Amino acid sequence: MSFILVNAEIVGTGSMLQNRFTDHSEVEGDKATRKVLQTKGTPREQAAVKLYIEPTGDLLYHPGSAIARLLREAGGNHKMKGTRKTVKYLVPSAVLVMDDTVPLYHADTGKRLVAKNAEVDSRPVVIPSTKGRIMAHRPRHDRWMMRFRLRVNDDLLPLDLIHQLLTEGGQQLGIGDFRPEKGGPFGVFNVTSWQIEK
């Protein structure tokens, strides 16, 4: 098998919302419905709980699994040659995101984002199980950038296609909460660097 390592950089063209799963949202009951517990505190305190913060300090990150999901879902728009199947189910075998935690940087300064850099986005959301509306306070990053490594098996999928999936996914699907894939406007980005590691 032939593996290629790629250093990629993406820059947000719009704000991104984060919503880390915490013990404030848990599955309970026989029907396994999600129970959303009301968090006490100011909107900023409620949003701070939902940040992805490195355990060693206050530096922010985003899960590498979000990039892997985006590549997989973007593959649903491309069919494999000679078949009706899409490449969606081949992407997880062909591409590995090497970083479990992808550091977040400020798009203008290049410095790591910290908890105090996050703004608060407050808007009503609908709870699927109860159809009720509550006010959700989530952390928002207006000027963000990520750098991460991909390991691509180009025997399974060509490198150019992976680059195309990342580009299309950034423009059409997005990452984070309330992204275009989920009917929102957040988390869209451009691929600003795609460098093959020698």
Protein backbone atom coordinates (compact mmCIF):
# COMPACT_ATOMS: atom_id res chain seq x y z
CA MET A 1 0.00 0.00 0.00
CA SER A 2 1.09 3.52 -0.76
CA PHE A 3 0.55 6.16 1.91
CA ILE A 4 0.95 9.89 1.40
CA LEU A 5 1.14 12.38 4.26
CA VAL A 6 -0.44 15.77 3.64
CA ASN A 7 -0.26 18.92 5.76
CA ALA A 8 -3.51 20.82 5.29
CA GLU A 9 -4.64 24.25 6.42
CA ILE A 10 -8.20 25.52 6.42
CA VAL A 11 -9.41 29.07 7.17
CA GLY A 12 -13.00 29.84 8.12
CA THR A 13 -14.96 32.07 5.75
CA GLY A 14 -17.60 32.48 8.44
CA SER A 15 -18.01 31.96 12.17
CA MET A 16 -17.95 28.51 13.76
CA LEU A 17 -20.00 27.28 16.71
CA GLN A 18 -18.76 24.64 19.14
CA ASN A 19 -20.92 22.41 21.30
CA ARG A 20 -18.90 19.84 23.23
CA PHE A 21 -20.97 16.95 24.57
CA THR A 22 -20.94 17.14 28.35
CA ASP A 23 -22.72 15.53 31.27
CA HIS A 24 -25.32 18.30 30.92
CA SER A 25 -26.71 16.28 28.00
CA GLU A 26 -27.31 12.63 28.78
CA VAL A 27 -29.42 9.74 27.61
CA GLU A 28 -32.04 8.57 30.08
CA GLY A 29 -35.28 6.63 30.17
CA ASP A 30 -36.64 3.56 28.41
CA LYS A 31 -37.08 5.42 25.12
CA ALA A 32 -33.46 6.66 25.22
CA THR A 33 -34.51 10.24 24.67
CA ARG A 34 -32.00 12.98 25.26
CA LYS A 35 -32.60 14.99 28.38
CA VAL A 36 -31.18 18.48 28.23
CA LEU A 37 -30.40 19.79 31.65
CA GLN A 38 -30.66 23.50 32.21
CA THR A 39 -27.26 24.91 33.12
CA LYS A 40 -27.19 27.65 35.70
CA GLY A 41 -25.09 30.73 35.19
CA THR A 42 -24.69 33.58 32.74
CA PRO A 43 -24.78 32.96 28.97
CA ARG A 44 -20.97 33.20 28.89
CA GLU A 45 -20.63 30.62 31.67
CA GLN A 46 -23.03 28.28 29.87
CA ALA A 47 -21.14 28.70 26.59
CA ALA A 48 -17.76 28.12 28.28
CA VAL A 49 -18.84 24.59 29.25
CA LYS A 50 -19.23 23.74 25.55
CA LEU A 51 -15.71 24.73 24.49
CA TYR A 52 -13.13 22.13 23.46
CA ILE A 53 -10.26 23.03 25.81
CA GLU A 54 -6.98 21.12 26.12
CA PRO A 55 -6.66 19.55 29.59
CA THR A 56 -3.24 21.12 30.18
CA GLY A 57 -4.41 24.73 29.84
CA ASP A 58 -6.89 27.03 28.16
CA LEU A 59 -5.87 26.41 24.53
CA LEU A 60 -8.76 25.54 22.22
CA TYR A 61 -9.06 22.71 19.71
CA HIS A 62 -11.66 20.95 17.56
CA PRO A 63 -12.01 17.15 17.26
CA GLY A 64 -10.21 15.55 14.34
CA SER A 65 -13.25 13.31 13.93
CA ALA A 66 -15.14 16.35 12.60
CA ILE A 67 -12.73 16.53 9.64
CA ALA A 68 -13.07 12.77 9.06
CA ARG A 69 -16.88 13.05 9.10
CA LEU A 70 -16.81 15.96 6.66
CA LEU A 71 -14.63 14.02 4.18
CA ARG A 72 -16.89 10.97 4.47
CA GLU A 73 -20.11 12.92 3.91
CA ALA A 74 -18.60 14.88 1.01
CA GLY A 75 -17.80 11.52 -0.60
CA GLY A 76 -21.53 10.88 -0.94
CA ASN A 77 -21.57 13.20 -3.96
CA HIS A 78 -18.96 11.21 -5.91
CA LYS A 79 -19.53 7.81 -7.50
CA MET A 80 -16.86 5.17 -7.92
CA LYS A 81 -15.95 4.37 -11.50
CA GLY A 82 -17.94 1.53 -13.00
CA THR A 83 -20.49 1.34 -10.17
CA ARG A 84 -23.44 3.17 -8.70
CA LYS A 85 -21.87 3.24 -5.25
CA THR A 86 -20.42 6.45 -3.88
CA VAL A 87 -16.95 6.80 -2.38
CA LYS A 88 -18.53 7.71 0.99
CA TYR A 89 -17.89 4.27 2.46
CA LEU A 90 -14.38 4.02 1.04
CA VAL A 91 -13.18 7.34 2.50
CA PRO A 92 -12.64 6.02 6.09
CA SER A 93 -10.32 3.32 4.72
CA ALA A 94 -8.49 5.70 2.40
CA VAL A 95 -8.01 8.73 4.66
CA LEU A 96 -6.88 8.95 8.27
CA VAL A 97 -6.87 12.25 10.16
CA MET A 98 -3.64 11.99 12.15
CA ASP A 99 -4.69 14.46 14.86
CA ASP A 100 -7.32 13.53 17.45
CA THR A 101 -7.35 17.15 18.55
CA VAL A 102 -6.87 19.83 15.88
CA PRO A 103 -5.54 23.12 17.33
CA LEU A 104 -7.56 26.27 16.67
CA TYR A 105 -5.69 29.40 15.56
CA HIS A 106 -6.71 33.00 14.99
CA ALA A 107 -6.95 33.48 11.22
CA ASP A 108 -5.31 36.93 11.28
CA THR A 109 -2.55 36.57 13.86
CA GLY A 110 -1.82 32.85 13.63
CA LYS A 111 -1.83 32.59 17.43
CA ARG A 112 -3.60 29.81 19.29
CA LEU A 113 -7.15 30.62 20.35
CA VAL A 114 -7.86 30.52 24.07
CA ALA A 115 -11.12 30.35 26.01
CA LYS A 116 -11.39 34.11 26.49
CA ASN A 117 -11.26 34.65 22.68
CA ALA A 118 -14.63 32.95 22.19
CA GLU A 119 -17.77 35.02 21.69
CA VAL A 120 -21.21 33.89 22.84
CA ASP A 121 -23.92 32.98 20.32
CA SER A 122 -27.42 32.91 21.83
CA ARG A 123 -30.37 31.63 19.83
CA PRO A 124 -33.44 29.41 20.39
CA VAL A 125 -33.15 25.71 19.55
CA VAL A 126 -35.79 22.98 19.33
CA ILE A 127 -35.42 19.85 21.48
CA PRO A 128 -36.35 16.92 19.17
CA SER A 129 -37.82 14.71 21.89
CA THR A 130 -40.16 17.33 23.39
CA LYS A 131 -40.53 19.75 20.42
CA GLY A 132 -40.00 22.51 22.96
CA ARG A 133 -37.78 25.54 22.42
CA ILE A 134 -35.01 26.65 24.75
CA MET A 135 -32.36 29.34 24.52
CA ALA A 136 -28.96 27.85 23.72
CA HIS A 137 -25.73 29.70 24.47
CA ARG A 138 -22.79 28.36 22.47
CA PRO A 139 -19.20 29.54 21.97
CA ARG A 140 -18.58 31.23 18.61
CA HIS A 141 -15.25 31.75 16.84
CA ASP A 142 -15.38 34.48 14.20
CA ARG A 143 -11.81 34.37 12.81
CA TRP A 144 -10.51 30.80 12.97
CA MET A 145 -8.02 28.53 11.26
CA MET A 146 -6.89 24.90 11.64
CA ARG A 147 -3.82 22.94 10.59
CA PHE A 148 -3.81 19.13 10.54
CA ARG A 149 -2.22 16.10 8.89
CA LEU A 150 -3.89 13.50 6.69
CA ARG A 151 -2.59 10.07 5.77
CA VAL A 152 -3.98 9.11 2.37
CA ASN A 153 -3.91 5.66 0.79
CA ASP A 154 -3.84 6.62 -2.88
CA ASP A 155 -4.22 2.98 -3.92
CA LEU A 156 -7.83 3.30 -2.73
CA LEU A 157 -8.64 6.91 -3.64
CA PRO A 158 -6.54 9.44 -5.59
CA LEU A 159 -5.02 12.31 -3.66
CA ASP A 160 -6.67 14.90 -5.91
CA LEU A 161 -10.10 13.54 -4.99
CA ILE A 162 -9.37 13.85 -1.26
CA HIS A 163 -8.36 17.47 -1.82
CA GLN A 164 -11.59 18.01 -3.74
CA LEU A 165 -13.67 16.42 -0.93
CA LEU A 166 -12.10 18.71 1.66
CA THR A 167 -12.71 21.76 -0.53
CA GLU A 168 -16.32 20.85 -1.31
CA GLY A 169 -17.02 19.85 2.28
CA GLY A 170 -15.72 23.18 3.53
CA GLN A 171 -17.99 25.09 1.19
CA GLN A 172 -21.14 22.93 1.39
CA LEU A 173 -21.14 20.97 4.68
CA GLY A 174 -19.03 22.82 7.25
CA ILE A 175 -17.91 21.75 10.71
CA GLY A 176 -19.15 22.49 14.21
CA ASP A 177 -22.69 23.20 15.38
CA PHE A 178 -25.48 24.57 13.15
CA ARG A 179 -23.42 24.07 9.99
CA PRO A 180 -24.92 24.06 6.45
CA GLU A 181 -25.27 20.27 6.62
CA LYS A 182 -27.68 20.85 9.53
CA GLY A 183 -29.47 23.84 8.01
CA GLY A 184 -27.29 26.57 9.51
CA PRO A 185 -24.73 29.07 8.20
CA PHE A 186 -21.75 28.29 10.45
CA GLY A 187 -18.46 26.40 10.05
CA VAL A 188 -17.73 26.95 6.34
CA PHE A 189 -14.09 27.29 5.24
CA ASN A 190 -11.58 27.41 2.39
CA VAL A 191 -8.57 25.12 1.99
CA THR A 192 -5.63 27.53 2.01
CA SER A 193 -2.73 25.05 2.03
CA TRP A 194 -2.27 21.47 0.80
CA GLN A 195 1.36 20.35 1.10
CA ILE A 196 2.60 16.81 0.53
CA GLU A 197 5.16 15.74 3.14
CA LYS A 198 8.43 14.55 1.64
